[in-house]
PDB file of N, CA and C in Angstrom:
ATOM      1  N   UNK A   1      22.117 -37.683  92.816  1.00  0.00           N
ATOM      2  CA  UNK A   1      23.522 -37.788  92.835  1.00  0.00           C
ATOM      3  C   UNK A   1      24.525 -36.836  92.029  1.00  0.00           C
ATOM      4  N   UNK A   2      25.529 -36.376  92.189  1.00  0.00           N
ATOM      5  CA  UNK A   2      26.209 -35.876  91.420  1.00  0.00           C
ATOM      6  C   UNK A   2      27.683 -35.363  91.710  1.00  0.00           C
ATOM      7  N   UNK A   3      28.683 -35.240  90.846  1.00  0.00           N
ATOM      8  CA  UNK A   3      29.851 -35.047  91.159  1.00  0.00           C
ATOM      9  C   UNK A   3      30.658 -34.054  90.066  1.00  0.00           C
ATOM     10  N   UNK A   4      31.568 -33.360  90.779  1.00  0.00           N
ATOM     11  CA  UNK A   4      32.206 -32.509  89.697  1.00  0.00           C
ATOM     12  C   UNK A   4      33.743 -33.083  89.375  1.00  0.00           C
ATOM     13  N   UNK A   5      34.113 -33.439  88.023  1.00  0.00           N
ATOM     14  CA  UNK A   5      35.280 -34.042  87.803  1.00  0.00           C
ATOM     15  C   UNK A   5      36.248 -33.072  87.883  1.00  0.00           C
ATOM     16  N   UNK A   6      37.743 -33.548  87.765  1.00  0.00           N
ATOM     17  CA  UNK A   6      38.887 -32.668  87.925  1.00  0.00           C
ATOM     18  C   UNK A   6      38.930 -31.719  86.655  1.00  0.00           C
ATOM     19  N   UNK A   7      38.333 -32.209  85.463  1.00  0.00           N
ATOM     20  CA  UNK A   7      38.161 -31.025  84.571  1.00  0.00           C
ATOM     21  C   UNK A   7      37.221 -29.973  84.579  1.00  0.00           C
ATOM     22  N   UNK A   8      36.500 -29.830  85.824  1.00  0.00           N
ATOM     23  CA  UNK A   8      35.582 -28.817  85.732  1.00  0.00           C
ATOM     24  C   UNK A   8      34.241 -28.986  85.532  1.00  0.00           C
ATOM     25  N   UNK A   9      33.913 -30.379  84.940  1.00  0.00           N
ATOM     26  CA  UNK A   9      32.595 -30.740  84.399  1.00  0.00           C
ATOM     27  C   UNK A   9      31.658 -31.053  85.575  1.00  0.00           C
ATOM     28  N   UNK A  10      30.439 -30.845  85.189  1.00  0.00           N
ATOM     29  CA  UNK A  10      29.529 -31.149  86.478  1.00  0.00           C
ATOM     30  C   UNK A  10      28.651 -32.714  85.615  1.00  0.00           C
ATOM     31  N   UNK A  11      28.486 -33.753  86.549  1.00  0.00           N
ATOM     32  CA  UNK A  11      27.898 -34.986  86.128  1.00  0.00           C
ATOM     33  C   UNK A  11      26.646 -35.214  87.151  1.00  0.00           C
ATOM     34  N   UNK A  12      25.541 -35.594  86.520  1.00  0.00           N
ATOM     35  CA  UNK A  12      24.256 -35.746  87.665  1.00  0.00           C
ATOM     36  C   UNK A  12      23.799 -37.108  87.242  1.00  0.00           C
ATOM     37  N   UNK A  13      23.211 -37.908  88.146  1.00  0.00           N
ATOM     38  CA  UNK A  13      22.494 -39.048  87.743  1.00  0.00           C
ATOM     39  C   UNK A  13      21.326 -39.292  89.160  1.00  0.00           C
ATOM     40  N   UNK A  14      20.338 -40.106  88.628  1.00  0.00           N
ATOM     41  CA  UNK A  14      19.197 -40.110  89.796  1.00  0.00           C
ATOM     42  C   UNK A  14      17.764 -40.188  89.225  1.00  0.00           C
ATOM     43  N   UNK A  15      16.906 -40.052  89.937  1.00  0.00           N
ATOM     44  CA  UNK A  15      15.623 -39.839  89.783  1.00  0.00           C
ATOM     45  C   UNK A  15      15.136 -38.792  88.781  1.00  0.00           C
ATOM     46  N   UNK A  16      15.266 -37.371  89.342  1.00  0.00           N
ATOM     47  CA  UNK A  16      15.070 -36.404  88.582  1.00  0.00           C
ATOM     48  C   UNK A  16      13.680 -36.156  88.418  1.00  0.00           C
ATOM     49  N   UNK A  17      12.939 -36.233  89.074  1.00  0.00           N
ATOM     50  CA  UNK A  17      11.427 -36.007  89.204  1.00  0.00           C
ATOM     51  C   UNK A  17      11.220 -34.656  89.268  1.00  0.00           C
ATOM     52  N   UNK A  18      11.933 -33.680  89.717  1.00  0.00           N
ATOM     53  CA  UNK A  18      11.662 -32.273  89.892  1.00  0.00           C
ATOM     54  C   UNK A  18      12.773 -31.651  88.863  1.00  0.00           C
ATOM     55  N   UNK A  19      13.384 -32.341  88.096  1.00  0.00           N
ATOM     56  CA  UNK A  19      14.572 -31.484  87.131  1.00  0.00           C
ATOM     57  C   UNK A  19      15.582 -31.209  87.761  1.00  0.00           C
ATOM     58  N   UNK A  20      15.962 -31.972  88.988  1.00  0.00           N
ATOM     59  CA  UNK A  20      16.991 -31.758  90.058  1.00  0.00           C
ATOM     60  C   UNK A  20      18.518 -32.058  89.199  1.00  0.00           C
ATOM     61  N   UNK A  21      18.466 -32.850  88.177  1.00  0.00           N
ATOM     62  CA  UNK A  21      19.612 -32.948  87.643  1.00  0.00           C
ATOM     63  C   UNK A  21      20.333 -32.163  86.454  1.00  0.00           C
ATOM     64  N   UNK A  22      19.454 -30.988  86.233  1.00  0.00           N
ATOM     65  CA  UNK A  22      19.867 -29.969  85.609  1.00  0.00           C
ATOM     66  C   UNK A  22      19.949 -30.270  84.204  1.00  0.00           C
ATOM     67  N   UNK A  23      19.248 -31.085  83.471  1.00  0.00           N
ATOM     68  CA  UNK A  23      19.130 -31.439  82.052  1.00  0.00           C
ATOM     69  C   UNK A  23      18.080 -30.822  81.460  1.00  0.00           C
ATOM     70  N   UNK A  24      17.175 -29.941  81.992  1.00  0.00           N
ATOM     71  CA  UNK A  24      16.010 -29.293  81.303  1.00  0.00           C
ATOM     72  C   UNK A  24      14.735 -30.334  81.074  1.00  0.00           C
ATOM     73  N   UNK A  25      14.803 -31.740  81.838  1.00  0.00           N
ATOM     74  CA  UNK A  25      13.835 -32.458  81.997  1.00  0.00           C
ATOM     75  C   UNK A  25      13.607 -33.339  83.238  1.00  0.00           C
ATOM     76  N   UNK A  26      12.634 -34.251  83.090  1.00  0.00           N
ATOM     77  CA  UNK A  26      12.457 -35.087  84.207  1.00  0.00           C
ATOM     78  C   UNK A  26      12.551 -36.650  84.068  1.00  0.00           C
ATOM     79  N   UNK A  27      13.795 -37.071  83.029  1.00  0.00           N
ATOM     80  CA  UNK A  27      13.851 -38.267  82.761  1.00  0.00           C
ATOM     81  C   UNK A  27      14.916 -38.809  83.841  1.00  0.00           C
ATOM     82  N   UNK A  28      14.468 -40.001  84.275  1.00  0.00           N
ATOM     83  CA  UNK A  28      15.638 -40.888  85.213  1.00  0.00           C
ATOM     84  C   UNK A  28      16.592 -41.019  84.555  1.00  0.00           C
ATOM     85  N   UNK A  29      17.920 -40.914  85.135  1.00  0.00           N
ATOM     86  CA  UNK A  29      19.217 -41.164  84.624  1.00  0.00           C
ATOM     87  C   UNK A  29      20.075 -42.044  85.474  1.00  0.00           C
ATOM     88  N   UNK A  30      19.991 -43.289  85.168  1.00  0.00           N
ATOM     89  CA  UNK A  30      20.652 -44.297  85.917  1.00  0.00           C
ATOM     90  C   UNK A  30      22.134 -44.579  85.689  1.00  0.00           C
ATOM     91  N   UNK A  31      22.614 -43.659  84.788  1.00  0.00           N
ATOM     92  CA  UNK A  31      24.347 -43.634  84.749  1.00  0.00           C
ATOM     93  C   UNK A  31      24.431 -42.067  84.730  1.00  0.00           C
ATOM     94  N   UNK A  32      25.594 -41.388  84.849  1.00  0.00           N
ATOM     95  CA  UNK A  32      25.988 -40.098  85.064  1.00  0.00           C
ATOM     96  C   UNK A  32      25.982 -39.504  83.358  1.00  0.00           C
ATOM     97  N   UNK A  33      25.305 -38.209  83.547  1.00  0.00           N
ATOM     98  CA  UNK A  33      25.207 -37.632  82.396  1.00  0.00           C
ATOM     99  C   UNK A  33      25.683 -36.252  82.790  1.00  0.00           C
ATOM    100  N   UNK A  34      26.575 -35.574  81.740  1.00  0.00           N
ATOM    101  CA  UNK A  34      27.104 -34.166  81.866  1.00  0.00           C
ATOM    102  C   UNK A  34      26.051 -33.186  81.790  1.00  0.00           C
ATOM    103  N   UNK A  35      25.980 -32.122  82.692  1.00  0.00           N
ATOM    104  CA  UNK A  35      25.205 -30.820  82.632  1.00  0.00           C
ATOM    105  C   UNK A  35      25.729 -29.560  81.801  1.00  0.00           C
ATOM    106  N   UNK A  36      25.432 -29.658  80.486  1.00  0.00           N
ATOM    107  CA  UNK A  36      25.888 -28.603  79.682  1.00  0.00           C
ATOM    108  C   UNK A  36      27.283 -29.021  79.139  1.00  0.00           C
ATOM    109  N   UNK A  37      27.941 -28.233  78.700  1.00  0.00           N
ATOM    110  CA  UNK A  37      29.470 -28.306  78.331  1.00  0.00           C
ATOM    111  C   UNK A  37      30.644 -27.414  79.107  1.00  0.00           C
ATOM    112  N   UNK A  38      29.834 -26.644  80.046  1.00  0.00           N
ATOM    113  CA  UNK A  38      30.799 -25.784  80.866  1.00  0.00           C
ATOM    114  C   UNK A  38      31.724 -26.792  81.718  1.00  0.00           C
ATOM    115  N   UNK A  39      33.097 -26.101  82.047  1.00  0.00           N
ATOM    116  CA  UNK A  39      34.112 -26.842  82.711  1.00  0.00           C
ATOM    117  C   UNK A  39      34.618 -25.690  83.645  1.00  0.00           C
ATOM    118  N   UNK A  40      33.697 -24.947  84.369  1.00  0.00           N
ATOM    119  CA  UNK A  40      34.030 -24.258  85.320  1.00  0.00           C
ATOM    120  C   UNK A  40      33.183 -24.471  86.844  1.00  0.00           C
ATOM    121  N   UNK A  41      32.905 -25.730  86.983  1.00  0.00           N
ATOM    122  CA  UNK A  41      32.138 -26.015  88.402  1.00  0.00           C
ATOM    123  C   UNK A  41      33.189 -26.516  89.201  1.00  0.00           C
ATOM    124  N   UNK A  42      32.750 -26.267  90.387  1.00  0.00           N
ATOM    125  CA  UNK A  42      33.771 -26.302  91.364  1.00  0.00           C
ATOM    126  C   UNK A  42      33.170 -27.410  92.678  1.00  0.00           C
ATOM    127  N   UNK A  43      31.888 -27.261  92.986  1.00  0.00           N
ATOM    128  CA  UNK A  43      31.530 -27.844  93.956  1.00  0.00           C
ATOM    129  C   UNK A  43      29.812 -28.207  93.774  1.00  0.00           C
ATOM    130  N   UNK A  44      29.236 -28.932  94.462  1.00  0.00           N
ATOM    131  CA  UNK A  44      27.698 -29.069  94.340  1.00  0.00           C
ATOM    132  C   UNK A  44      27.252 -29.723  95.750  1.00  0.00           C
ATOM    133  N   UNK A  45      25.971 -29.588  95.847  1.00  0.00           N
ATOM    134  CA  UNK A  45      25.313 -30.081  96.973  1.00  0.00           C
ATOM    135  C   UNK A  45      23.839 -30.724  96.492  1.00  0.00           C
ATOM    136  N   UNK A  46      23.634 -31.833  96.792  1.00  0.00           N
ATOM    137  CA  UNK A  46      22.442 -32.452  96.137  1.00  0.00           C
ATOM    138  C   UNK A  46      21.446 -32.841  97.244  1.00  0.00           C
ATOM    139  N   UNK A  47      20.297 -32.087  97.250  1.00  0.00           N
ATOM    140  CA  UNK A  47      19.189 -32.416  98.179  1.00  0.00           C
ATOM    141  C   UNK A  47      18.137 -33.526  97.498  1.00  0.00           C
ATOM    142  N   UNK A  48      17.038 -33.650  98.308  1.00  0.00           N
ATOM    143  CA  UNK A  48      16.172 -34.677  97.733  1.00  0.00           C
ATOM    144  C   UNK A  48      15.539 -34.520  96.367  1.00  0.00           C
ATOM    145  N   UNK A  49      15.369 -33.112  96.121  1.00  0.00           N
ATOM    146  CA  UNK A  49      14.653 -32.765  94.715  1.00  0.00           C
ATOM    147  C   UNK A  49      15.219 -31.527  94.291  1.00  0.00           C
ATOM    148  N   UNK A  50      16.584 -31.140  94.450  1.00  0.00           N
ATOM    149  CA  UNK A  50      17.092 -29.968  94.136  1.00  0.00           C
ATOM    150  C   UNK A  50      18.857 -30.101  94.332  1.00  0.00           C
ATOM    151  N   UNK A  51      19.296 -29.502  93.484  1.00  0.00           N
ATOM    152  CA  UNK A  51      20.727 -29.445  93.622  1.00  0.00           C
ATOM    153  C   UNK A  51      21.234 -28.032  93.430  1.00  0.00           C
ATOM    154  N   UNK A  52      22.184 -27.716  94.441  1.00  0.00           N
ATOM    155  CA  UNK A  52      23.104 -26.168  94.259  1.00  0.00           C
ATOM    156  C   UNK A  52      24.316 -26.747  93.871  1.00  0.00           C
ATOM    157  N   UNK A  53      24.698 -26.039  92.796  1.00  0.00           N
ATOM    158  CA  UNK A  53      26.135 -26.124  91.927  1.00  0.00           C
ATOM    159  C   UNK A  53      26.925 -24.619  92.199  1.00  0.00           C
ATOM    160  N   UNK A  54      28.382 -24.846  92.617  1.00  0.00           N
ATOM    161  CA  UNK A  54      29.120 -23.690  92.735  1.00  0.00           C
ATOM    162  C   UNK A  54      30.066 -23.568  91.576  1.00  0.00           C
ATOM    163  N   UNK A  55      30.312 -22.569  90.795  1.00  0.00           N
ATOM    164  CA  UNK A  55      31.161 -22.184  89.723  1.00  0.00           C
ATOM    165  C   UNK A  55      32.374 -21.498  90.240  1.00  0.00           C
ATOM    166  N   UNK A  56      33.325 -21.528  89.510  1.00  0.00           N
ATOM    167  CA  UNK A  56      34.657 -21.071  90.103  1.00  0.00           C
ATOM    168  C   UNK A  56      34.701 -19.673  90.039  1.00  0.00           C
ATOM    169  N   UNK A  57      33.543 -19.065  89.479  1.00  0.00           N
ATOM    170  CA  UNK A  57      33.476 -17.471  89.641  1.00  0.00           C
ATOM    171  C   UNK A  57      32.564 -17.040  90.969  1.00  0.00           C
ATOM    172  N   UNK A  58      32.488 -18.176  91.738  1.00  0.00           N
ATOM    173  CA  UNK A  58      31.858 -17.923  92.994  1.00  0.00           C
ATOM    174  C   UNK A  58      30.262 -17.696  92.789  1.00  0.00           C
ATOM    175  N   UNK A  59      29.682 -18.028  91.453  1.00  0.00           N
ATOM    176  CA  UNK A  59      28.158 -17.923  91.428  1.00  0.00           C
ATOM    177  C   UNK A  59      27.674 -19.299  91.754  1.00  0.00           C
ATOM    178  N   UNK A  60      26.288 -19.138  92.414  1.00  0.00           N
ATOM    179  CA  UNK A  60      25.750 -20.568  92.704  1.00  0.00           C
ATOM    180  C   UNK A  60      24.503 -20.777  91.570  1.00  0.00           C
ATOM    181  N   UNK A  61      24.440 -21.851  91.055  1.00  0.00           N
ATOM    182  CA  UNK A  61      23.336 -22.034  90.302  1.00  0.00           C
ATOM    183  C   UNK A  61      22.387 -23.331  90.944  1.00  0.00           C
ATOM    184  N   UNK A  62      21.102 -23.332  90.914  1.00  0.00           N
ATOM    185  CA  UNK A  62      20.130 -24.282  91.140  1.00  0.00           C
ATOM    186  C   UNK A  62      19.276 -24.947  90.148  1.00  0.00           C
ATOM    187  N   UNK A  63      19.071 -26.271  90.615  1.00  0.00           N
ATOM    188  CA  UNK A  63      18.106 -27.006  89.708  1.00  0.00           C
ATOM    189  C   UNK A  63      17.099 -27.616  90.469  1.00  0.00           C
ATOM    190  N   UNK A  64      16.072 -27.813  90.147  1.00  0.00           N
ATOM    191  CA  UNK A  64      14.746 -28.704  90.597  1.00  0.00           C
ATOM    192  C   UNK A  64      13.856 -27.849  91.251  1.00  0.00           C
ATOM    193  N   UNK A  65      13.183 -28.593  92.480  1.00  0.00           N
ATOM    194  CA  UNK A  65      12.150 -28.349  93.174  1.00  0.00           C
ATOM    195  C   UNK A  65      12.546 -27.167  93.948  1.00  0.00           C
ATOM    196  N   UNK A  66      11.531 -26.197  93.944  1.00  0.00           N
ATOM    197  CA  UNK A  66      11.703 -24.895  94.749  1.00  0.00           C
ATOM    198  C   UNK A  66      10.741 -24.295  95.566  1.00  0.00           C
ATOM    199  N   UNK A  67       9.725 -25.572  96.028  1.00  0.00           N
ATOM    200  CA  UNK A  67       8.543 -25.220  96.701  1.00  0.00           C
ATOM    201  C   UNK A  67       8.626 -24.716  98.244  1.00  0.00           C
ATOM    202  N   UNK A  68       9.951 -24.675  98.755  1.00  0.00           N
ATOM    203  CA  UNK A  68      10.040 -23.879  99.834  1.00  0.00           C
ATOM    204  C   UNK A  68      11.052 -23.046  99.987  1.00  0.00           C
ATOM    205  N   UNK A  69      11.684 -22.637  98.674  1.00  0.00           N
ATOM    206  CA  UNK A  69      12.559 -21.716  98.342  1.00  0.00           C
ATOM    207  C   UNK A  69      14.184 -22.111  98.542  1.00  0.00           C
ATOM    208  N   UNK A  70      14.363 -23.756  98.445  1.00  0.00           N
ATOM    209  CA  UNK A  70      15.514 -24.072  98.509  1.00  0.00           C
ATOM    210  C   UNK A  70      16.508 -23.942  97.437  1.00  0.00           C
ATOM    211  N   UNK A  71      16.045 -23.234  96.316  1.00  0.00           N
ATOM    212  CA  UNK A  71      17.120 -22.845  95.375  1.00  0.00           C
ATOM    213  C   UNK A  71      17.482 -21.351  95.622  1.00  0.00           C
ATOM    214  N   UNK A  72      17.210 -20.706  96.493  1.00  0.00           N
ATOM    215  CA  UNK A  72      18.001 -19.346  97.091  1.00  0.00           C
ATOM    216  C   UNK A  72      17.734 -18.269  96.158  1.00  0.00           C
ATOM    217  N   UNK A  73      16.557 -18.239  95.497  1.00  0.00           N
ATOM    218  CA  UNK A  73      15.882 -17.174  94.619  1.00  0.00           C
ATOM    219  C   UNK A  73      14.893 -16.092  95.154  1.00  0.00           C
ATOM    220  N   UNK A  74      14.735 -16.159  96.533  1.00  0.00           N
ATOM    221  CA  UNK A  74      13.682 -15.243  97.036  1.00  0.00           C
ATOM    222  C   UNK A  74      12.398 -15.644  96.741  1.00  0.00           C
ATOM    223  N   UNK A  75      11.996 -16.971  96.269  1.00  0.00           N
ATOM    224  CA  UNK A  75      10.707 -16.954  95.746  1.00  0.00           C
ATOM    225  C   UNK A  75      10.737 -18.542  95.940  1.00  0.00           C
ATOM    226  N   UNK A  76       9.406 -18.966  95.286  1.00  0.00           N
ATOM    227  CA  UNK A  76       8.898 -20.565  95.509  1.00  0.00           C
ATOM    228  C   UNK A  76       8.553 -21.199  94.249  1.00  0.00           C
ATOM    229  N   UNK A  77       9.053 -20.203  93.066  1.00  0.00           N
ATOM    230  CA  UNK A  77       8.759 -20.913  91.704  1.00  0.00           C
ATOM    231  C   UNK A  77       9.738 -21.862  91.268  1.00  0.00           C
TER     232      UNK A  77
END
């Protein structure tokens, strides 16, 4: 799960078994934790084991499992 706050920060929480919370680890987060210190996030979509987040400059960022290419990187790494 996740949300973008009105100040543009990105917050995530949940199972995190594939690193989908963008924390660089697989630690379960039972309460919201901020993803980095950036304040230019605008939207996000959370999948079962991945997250796609959109920044205000139009770039999209992906976190987590990519076994069938769901991060949009044209690979399955």
